[in-house]
């Protein structure tokens, strides 16, 4: 059971790290919480035995790094809106061209 929790913890914490560095960083909270849960379950199942807990600590470390990156990106990244005048002009131009094409069509 411990091995299953460790494997699932590794997979989900790596997924959280990957999502944390991509533009989809807001979704990284879900696998990070799942990785923490699997890490705690692995820690609880290995409490009775005197095996090495380095892999469980690594799961926690990767999850904490993912959470820190995600929180940093959520707090300090601002969305900047560029010059929308060019987009509006292009939209009007395309609309006028579409109207001209529709007027040129003969429906019999």
N, C-alpha and C. Protein backbone atom coordinates (compact mmCIF):
# COMPACT_ATOMS: atom_id res chain seq x y z
N UNK A 1 0.83 -1.18 0.00
CA UNK A 1 0.00 0.00 0.00
C UNK A 1 0.87 1.25 0.00
N UNK A 2 1.98 1.17 0.73
CA UNK A 2 2.89 2.31 0.81
C UNK A 2 3.47 2.63 -0.56
N UNK A 3 3.84 1.59 -1.31
CA UNK A 3 4.42 1.80 -2.63
C UNK A 3 3.41 2.45 -3.58
N UNK A 4 2.16 2.05 -3.48
CA UNK A 4 1.12 2.64 -4.32
C UNK A 4 0.97 4.13 -4.03
N UNK A 5 0.94 4.50 -2.76
CA UNK A 5 0.81 5.91 -2.39
C UNK A 5 2.03 6.71 -2.83
N UNK A 6 3.21 6.11 -2.74
CA UNK A 6 4.44 6.80 -3.17
C UNK A 6 4.43 7.02 -4.68
N UNK A 7 4.05 6.00 -5.44
CA UNK A 7 4.01 6.13 -6.90
C UNK A 7 2.99 7.18 -7.31
N UNK A 8 1.79 7.10 -6.72
CA UNK A 8 0.76 8.11 -7.04
C UNK A 8 1.21 9.51 -6.62
N UNK A 9 1.88 9.61 -5.48
CA UNK A 9 2.38 10.90 -5.02
C UNK A 9 3.40 11.49 -5.97
N UNK A 10 4.32 10.65 -6.47
CA UNK A 10 5.31 11.12 -7.43
C UNK A 10 4.65 11.59 -8.72
N UNK A 11 3.73 10.80 -9.24
CA UNK A 11 3.07 11.16 -10.50
C UNK A 11 2.33 12.48 -10.37
N UNK A 12 1.57 12.61 -9.31
CA UNK A 12 0.75 13.81 -9.14
C UNK A 12 1.61 15.02 -8.81
N UNK A 13 2.69 14.85 -8.05
CA UNK A 13 3.54 16.00 -7.73
C UNK A 13 4.31 16.46 -8.96
N UNK A 14 4.73 15.53 -9.82
CA UNK A 14 5.38 15.93 -11.08
C UNK A 14 4.39 16.66 -11.97
N UNK A 15 3.15 16.19 -12.01
CA UNK A 15 2.11 16.88 -12.79
C UNK A 15 1.88 18.28 -12.24
N UNK A 16 1.89 18.42 -10.93
CA UNK A 16 1.71 19.76 -10.32
C UNK A 16 2.87 20.67 -10.68
N UNK A 17 4.09 20.14 -10.68
CA UNK A 17 5.25 20.96 -11.07
C UNK A 17 5.16 21.39 -12.52
N UNK A 18 4.76 20.49 -13.39
CA UNK A 18 4.65 20.83 -14.82
C UNK A 18 3.58 21.89 -15.02
N UNK A 19 2.44 21.73 -14.37
CA UNK A 19 1.37 22.72 -14.52
C UNK A 19 1.75 24.05 -13.89
N UNK A 20 2.58 24.04 -12.86
CA UNK A 20 2.96 25.28 -12.17
C UNK A 20 3.81 26.18 -13.04
N UNK A 21 4.58 25.61 -13.96
CA UNK A 21 5.46 26.44 -14.79
C UNK A 21 4.83 26.78 -16.14
N UNK A 22 3.67 26.26 -16.43
CA UNK A 22 2.98 26.58 -17.68
C UNK A 22 1.96 27.69 -17.44
N UNK A 23 1.38 28.21 -18.51
CA UNK A 23 0.34 29.23 -18.31
C UNK A 23 -0.92 28.69 -17.62
N UNK A 24 -1.04 27.38 -17.49
CA UNK A 24 -2.18 26.78 -16.80
C UNK A 24 -1.90 26.61 -15.31
N UNK A 25 -1.17 27.53 -14.73
CA UNK A 25 -0.71 27.37 -13.35
C UNK A 25 -1.84 27.38 -12.33
N UNK A 26 -2.98 27.95 -12.67
CA UNK A 26 -4.08 27.99 -11.70
C UNK A 26 -4.65 26.60 -11.45
N UNK A 27 -4.46 25.70 -12.40
CA UNK A 27 -4.96 24.34 -12.26
C UNK A 27 -4.02 23.50 -11.39
N UNK A 28 -2.82 23.96 -11.14
CA UNK A 28 -1.81 23.19 -10.42
C UNK A 28 -2.17 22.96 -8.96
N UNK A 29 -3.12 23.71 -8.42
CA UNK A 29 -3.50 23.49 -7.04
C UNK A 29 -4.14 22.13 -6.82
N UNK A 30 -4.90 21.66 -7.80
CA UNK A 30 -5.61 20.38 -7.65
C UNK A 30 -4.63 19.21 -7.52
N UNK A 31 -3.67 19.03 -8.46
CA UNK A 31 -2.74 17.91 -8.25
C UNK A 31 -1.80 18.12 -7.06
N UNK A 32 -1.55 19.37 -6.68
CA UNK A 32 -0.68 19.61 -5.53
C UNK A 32 -1.36 19.14 -4.24
N UNK A 33 -2.64 19.40 -4.12
CA UNK A 33 -3.37 18.93 -2.94
C UNK A 33 -3.44 17.40 -2.94
N UNK A 34 -3.66 16.82 -4.12
CA UNK A 34 -3.69 15.36 -4.21
C UNK A 34 -2.33 14.76 -3.84
N UNK A 35 -1.25 15.40 -4.26
CA UNK A 35 0.09 14.91 -3.92
C UNK A 35 0.34 15.01 -2.42
N UNK A 36 -0.13 16.08 -1.80
CA UNK A 36 0.01 16.18 -0.35
C UNK A 36 -0.76 15.07 0.36
N UNK A 37 -1.95 14.77 -0.13
CA UNK A 37 -2.76 13.70 0.48
C UNK A 37 -2.06 12.36 0.33
N UNK A 38 -1.55 12.07 -0.88
CA UNK A 38 -0.84 10.81 -1.08
C UNK A 38 0.44 10.74 -0.24
N UNK A 39 1.11 11.86 -0.09
CA UNK A 39 2.31 11.89 0.74
C UNK A 39 2.01 11.61 2.20
N UNK A 40 0.92 12.20 2.68
CA UNK A 40 0.53 11.96 4.08
C UNK A 40 0.12 10.51 4.26
N UNK A 41 -0.63 9.96 3.30
CA UNK A 41 -1.03 8.55 3.40
C UNK A 41 0.19 7.63 3.37
N UNK A 42 1.17 7.94 2.52
CA UNK A 42 2.39 7.13 2.49
C UNK A 42 3.16 7.26 3.79
N UNK A 43 3.18 8.45 4.36
CA UNK A 43 3.88 8.66 5.63
C UNK A 43 3.20 7.90 6.77
N UNK A 44 1.87 7.90 6.78
CA UNK A 44 1.13 7.20 7.81
C UNK A 44 1.32 5.69 7.69
N UNK A 45 1.30 5.18 6.46
CA UNK A 45 1.47 3.73 6.29
C UNK A 45 2.91 3.28 6.59
N UNK A 46 3.87 4.18 6.51
CA UNK A 46 5.25 3.78 6.79
C UNK A 46 5.69 4.14 8.20
N UNK A 47 4.80 4.66 9.01
CA UNK A 47 5.15 5.03 10.39
C UNK A 47 5.61 3.82 11.19
N UNK A 48 4.95 2.68 11.01
CA UNK A 48 5.25 1.51 11.82
C UNK A 48 6.57 0.85 11.43
N UNK A 49 6.99 1.04 10.20
CA UNK A 49 8.20 0.38 9.72
C UNK A 49 9.37 1.37 9.72
N UNK A 50 10.54 0.86 9.79
CA UNK A 50 11.74 1.69 9.84
C UNK A 50 12.41 1.79 8.47
N UNK A 51 11.62 2.00 7.43
CA UNK A 51 12.17 2.13 6.09
C UNK A 51 12.55 3.59 5.83
N UNK A 52 13.30 3.78 4.77
CA UNK A 52 13.73 5.12 4.40
C UNK A 52 12.53 5.95 3.94
N UNK A 53 12.48 7.18 4.38
CA UNK A 53 11.37 8.06 4.05
C UNK A 53 11.80 9.17 3.09
N UNK A 54 12.94 8.97 2.42
CA UNK A 54 13.45 10.00 1.51
C UNK A 54 12.51 10.24 0.34
N UNK A 55 11.89 9.19 -0.17
CA UNK A 55 10.98 9.37 -1.31
C UNK A 55 9.74 10.16 -0.90
N UNK A 56 9.27 9.94 0.31
CA UNK A 56 8.11 10.69 0.79
C UNK A 56 8.48 12.15 0.99
N UNK A 57 9.67 12.41 1.50
CA UNK A 57 10.12 13.78 1.65
C UNK A 57 10.30 14.46 0.29
N UNK A 58 10.72 13.71 -0.70
CA UNK A 58 10.85 14.26 -2.05
C UNK A 58 9.49 14.64 -2.63
N UNK A 59 8.47 13.83 -2.36
CA UNK A 59 7.11 14.17 -2.80
C UNK A 59 6.67 15.49 -2.17
N UNK A 60 6.90 15.62 -0.87
CA UNK A 60 6.53 16.87 -0.20
C UNK A 60 7.32 18.06 -0.74
N UNK A 61 8.59 17.87 -1.01
CA UNK A 61 9.42 18.96 -1.54
C UNK A 61 8.92 19.41 -2.91
N UNK A 62 8.67 18.47 -3.81
CA UNK A 62 8.18 18.84 -5.15
C UNK A 62 6.81 19.52 -5.07
N UNK A 63 5.97 19.05 -4.16
CA UNK A 63 4.64 19.64 -4.02
C UNK A 63 4.74 21.06 -3.47
N UNK A 64 5.60 21.27 -2.51
CA UNK A 64 5.77 22.61 -1.94
C UNK A 64 6.33 23.57 -2.99
N UNK A 65 7.27 23.10 -3.80
CA UNK A 65 7.82 23.94 -4.87
C UNK A 65 6.72 24.31 -5.86
N UNK A 66 5.88 23.34 -6.22
CA UNK A 66 4.78 23.62 -7.15
C UNK A 66 3.80 24.62 -6.55
N UNK A 67 3.48 24.46 -5.28
CA UNK A 67 2.56 25.40 -4.63
C UNK A 67 3.15 26.80 -4.55
N UNK A 68 4.43 26.90 -4.26
CA UNK A 68 5.08 28.22 -4.18
C UNK A 68 5.08 28.89 -5.55
N UNK A 69 5.44 28.14 -6.60
CA UNK A 69 5.44 28.72 -7.95
C UNK A 69 4.04 29.16 -8.37
N UNK A 70 3.06 28.34 -8.09
CA UNK A 70 1.69 28.67 -8.47
C UNK A 70 1.19 29.90 -7.73
N UNK A 71 1.47 29.95 -6.44
CA UNK A 71 1.04 31.11 -5.65
C UNK A 71 1.76 32.38 -6.11
N UNK A 72 3.05 32.27 -6.40
CA UNK A 72 3.80 33.42 -6.88
C UNK A 72 3.22 33.94 -8.19
N UNK A 73 2.93 33.02 -9.12
CA UNK A 73 2.38 33.44 -10.40
C UNK A 73 0.99 34.05 -10.25
N UNK A 74 0.21 33.53 -9.30
CA UNK A 74 -1.13 34.07 -9.08
C UNK A 74 -1.08 35.46 -8.47
N UNK A 75 -0.10 35.72 -7.61
CA UNK A 75 -0.04 37.01 -6.93
C UNK A 75 0.65 38.10 -7.74
N UNK A 76 1.71 37.75 -8.46
CA UNK A 76 2.55 38.79 -9.06
C UNK A 76 2.44 38.92 -10.57
N UNK A 77 1.80 38.02 -11.25
CA UNK A 77 1.61 38.18 -12.69
C UNK A 77 0.38 39.02 -12.96
N UNK A 78 0.58 40.07 -13.73
CA UNK A 78 -0.54 40.91 -14.11
C UNK A 78 -0.78 40.77 -15.60
N UNK A 79 -2.03 40.81 -15.96
CA UNK A 79 -2.40 40.71 -17.36
C UNK A 79 -2.42 42.11 -17.94
N UNK A 80 -1.63 42.31 -18.97
CA UNK A 80 -1.57 43.62 -19.60
C UNK A 80 -2.33 43.57 -20.92
N UNK A 81 -3.20 44.53 -21.09
CA UNK A 81 -3.96 44.62 -22.33
C UNK A 81 -3.23 45.58 -23.25
N UNK A 82 -2.94 45.11 -24.43
CA UNK A 82 -2.21 45.93 -25.39
C UNK A 82 -3.11 46.94 -26.08
N UNK A 83 -2.62 47.47 -27.18
CA UNK A 83 -3.35 48.44 -27.95
C UNK A 83 -4.49 47.75 -28.69
N UNK A 84 -5.72 48.07 -28.29
CA UNK A 84 -6.87 47.41 -28.91
C UNK A 84 -7.41 48.19 -30.11
N UNK A 85 -6.89 49.37 -30.36
CA UNK A 85 -7.38 50.17 -31.48
C UNK A 85 -7.11 49.47 -32.81
N UNK A 86 -5.95 48.86 -32.95
CA UNK A 86 -5.63 48.16 -34.19
C UNK A 86 -6.57 46.99 -34.40
N UNK A 87 -6.89 46.28 -33.34
CA UNK A 87 -7.81 45.15 -33.45
C UNK A 87 -9.20 45.61 -33.84
N UNK A 88 -9.65 46.74 -33.27
CA UNK A 88 -10.97 47.26 -33.61
C UNK A 88 -11.02 47.72 -35.06
N UNK A 89 -9.95 48.35 -35.54
CA UNK A 89 -9.92 48.79 -36.93
C UNK A 89 -9.93 47.60 -37.88
N UNK A 90 -9.19 46.58 -37.56
CA UNK A 90 -9.16 45.39 -38.41
C UNK A 90 -10.51 44.71 -38.41
N UNK A 91 -11.18 44.69 -37.27
CA UNK A 91 -12.50 44.09 -37.17
C UNK A 91 -13.50 44.85 -38.03
N UNK A 92 -13.45 46.19 -37.99
CA UNK A 92 -14.35 46.99 -38.83
C UNK A 92 -14.06 46.77 -40.31
N UNK A 93 -12.78 46.69 -40.65
CA UNK A 93 -12.40 46.47 -42.05
C UNK A 93 -12.91 45.11 -42.53
N UNK A 94 -12.75 44.09 -41.72
CA UNK A 94 -13.24 42.77 -42.11
C UNK A 94 -14.76 42.74 -42.21
N UNK A 95 -15.43 43.48 -41.35
CA UNK A 95 -16.89 43.56 -41.41
C UNK A 95 -17.35 44.24 -42.69
N UNK A 96 -16.68 45.33 -43.06
CA UNK A 96 -17.03 46.03 -44.30
C UNK A 96 -16.77 45.16 -45.51
N UNK A 97 -15.66 44.43 -45.53
CA UNK A 97 -15.37 43.54 -46.64
C UNK A 97 -16.41 42.43 -46.74
N UNK A 98 -16.86 41.93 -45.61
CA UNK A 98 -17.87 40.88 -45.62
C UNK A 98 -19.19 41.40 -46.16
N UNK A 99 -19.56 42.64 -45.78
CA UNK A 99 -20.79 43.24 -46.27
C UNK A 99 -20.72 43.44 -47.78
N UNK A 100 -19.57 43.88 -48.28
CA UNK A 100 -19.40 44.08 -49.73
C UNK A 100 -19.51 42.75 -50.48
N UNK A 101 -18.93 41.70 -49.91
CA UNK A 101 -19.03 40.39 -50.56
C UNK A 101 -20.47 39.89 -50.57
N UNK A 102 -21.19 40.13 -49.50
CA UNK A 102 -22.58 39.68 -49.43
C UNK A 102 -23.47 40.47 -50.40
N UNK A 103 -23.17 41.75 -50.60
CA UNK A 103 -23.94 42.56 -51.53
C UNK A 103 -23.68 42.12 -52.98
N UNK A 104 -22.51 41.60 -53.24
CA UNK A 104 -22.16 41.18 -54.60
C UNK A 104 -22.77 39.84 -54.98
N UNK A 105 -23.33 39.12 -54.04
CA UNK A 105 -23.91 37.80 -54.34
C UNK A 105 -25.31 37.98 -54.88
N UNK A 106 -25.58 37.36 -56.02
CA UNK A 106 -26.92 37.39 -56.63
C UNK A 106 -27.64 36.09 -56.27
N UNK A 107 -28.76 36.25 -55.62
CA UNK A 107 -29.58 35.10 -55.27
C UNK A 107 -30.78 35.05 -56.20
N UNK A 108 -30.88 34.01 -56.98
CA UNK A 108 -32.02 33.89 -57.91
C UNK A 108 -33.02 32.90 -57.40
